[in-house]
Protein backbone atom coordinates (compact mmCIF):
# COMPACT_ATOMS: atom_id res chain seq x y z
CA MET A 1 192.48 135.92 154.98
CA GLU A 2 189.25 137.19 153.47
CA ILE A 3 186.28 137.82 155.75
CA GLY A 4 182.99 138.67 154.08
CA LEU A 5 180.78 141.50 155.26
CA ALA A 6 177.91 139.03 155.84
CA GLU A 7 180.20 136.86 157.98
CA THR A 8 181.18 139.92 160.03
CA ILE A 9 177.56 140.84 160.69
CA ARG A 10 176.76 137.18 161.48
CA ALA A 11 179.55 137.16 164.10
CA LEU A 12 178.24 140.42 165.60
CA ARG A 13 174.75 138.91 165.79
CA GLY A 14 176.22 135.89 167.60
CA GLU A 15 178.02 138.11 170.11
CA LEU A 16 174.81 140.02 170.85
CA ALA A 17 172.91 136.73 171.27
CA GLN A 18 175.56 135.53 173.74
CA ALA A 19 175.34 138.81 175.66
CA MET A 20 171.55 138.36 175.88
CA ALA A 21 171.97 134.81 177.20
CA ASP A 22 174.55 135.98 179.74
CA GLY A 23 172.10 138.62 181.00
CA GLU A 24 169.23 136.20 181.70
CA GLY A 25 168.24 136.40 185.36
CA GLN A 26 170.71 139.20 186.15
CA PRO A 27 169.42 142.06 188.31
CA VAL A 28 170.84 144.71 185.95
CA ARG A 29 170.72 144.45 182.18
CA LEU A 30 171.51 146.87 179.37
CA ARG A 31 169.18 147.67 176.50
CA VAL A 32 170.74 147.73 173.05
CA GLU A 33 169.09 150.52 171.09
CA SER A 34 171.42 150.53 168.10
CA VAL A 35 174.79 149.27 167.00
CA LYS A 36 177.17 151.34 164.89
CA LEU A 37 179.63 149.26 162.94
CA ASP A 38 182.48 150.96 161.05
CA VAL A 39 184.56 148.59 158.92
CA GLN A 40 187.24 148.95 156.29
CA VAL A 41 186.23 146.90 153.26
CA ALA A 42 187.88 145.89 150.03
CA VAL A 43 185.51 145.89 147.09
CA THR A 44 186.42 143.47 144.32
CA ALA A 45 184.86 142.96 140.92
CA SER A 46 184.41 139.35 139.86
CA ALA A 47 184.79 138.11 136.31
CA GLU A 48 183.45 134.65 137.19
CA ALA A 49 180.28 133.21 135.65
CA GLN A 50 178.08 134.75 138.34
CA GLY A 51 180.04 138.00 138.26
CA GLY A 52 179.15 140.83 140.59
CA VAL A 53 180.88 142.73 143.36
CA LYS A 54 182.12 141.29 146.67
CA PHE A 55 182.80 143.16 149.94
CA TRP A 56 185.65 141.83 152.10
CA VAL A 57 186.30 143.19 155.59
CA LEU A 58 189.97 144.07 156.06
CA THR A 59 191.61 142.57 159.11
CA ALA A 60 193.95 144.56 161.35
CA GLY A 61 196.98 145.50 159.29
CA GLY A 62 195.38 143.95 156.21
CA LYS A 63 195.84 145.49 152.79
CA ALA A 64 193.83 145.02 149.67
CA ALA A 65 195.43 143.46 146.62
CA GLU A 66 196.28 145.62 143.64
CA GLY A 67 194.18 145.50 140.50
CA THR A 68 190.39 145.63 140.53
CA THR A 69 190.19 146.22 144.30
CA ALA A 70 189.16 149.46 145.99
CA THR A 71 189.02 150.06 149.73
CA HIS A 72 186.26 151.98 151.50
CA THR A 73 185.01 152.64 155.00
CA VAL A 74 181.47 151.41 155.48
CA SER A 75 179.36 152.64 158.41
CA LEU A 76 176.30 150.61 159.27
CA GLU A 77 173.71 151.77 161.81
CA LEU A 78 171.90 148.64 162.99
CA THR A 79 168.92 148.38 165.34
CA ALA A 80 169.06 145.30 167.54
CA GLU A 81 165.84 143.39 168.20
CA THR A 82 164.82 139.86 169.13
CA ALA A 83 163.30 137.46 166.59
CA GLU A 84 159.88 138.52 167.92
CA GLY A 85 160.68 142.22 167.46
CA GLY A 86 161.38 142.82 171.15
CA THR A 87 164.12 144.75 172.90
CA VAL A 88 167.59 143.23 173.25
CA LEU A 89 168.74 143.19 176.88
CA THR A 90 172.28 142.22 177.87
CA ASN A 91 174.14 141.68 181.13
CA SER A 92 175.76 144.84 182.48
CA GLY A 93 178.39 142.91 184.43
CA ARG A 94 177.07 144.35 187.72
CA ALA A 95 176.08 142.00 190.51
CA THR A 96 173.47 144.24 192.16
CA PRO A 97 170.80 146.60 190.86
CA VAL A 98 171.43 150.32 190.81
CA GLU A 99 169.48 152.10 193.57
CA ASP A 100 167.90 155.54 193.10
């Protein structure tokens, strides 16, 4: 199964959005400053009409096919923000606020 890098980031974005929704109205929330994503990718060259290079995220135990495929580790440092440029807050899973 081939999973594109864009699809992987889209899924991560969805998970962060769900975490934000889960945190609404909670007494304790976590601020997401940045997200570090390390993925193993297979890079393939395409000879199709559009040509170009495609990045495929390798699944657990997945191996790249022989030929014009090379595997690499890609590290992405992402900053999470809302559509308005605000801070992303998620639910901490705690029922009560932390007291000083």
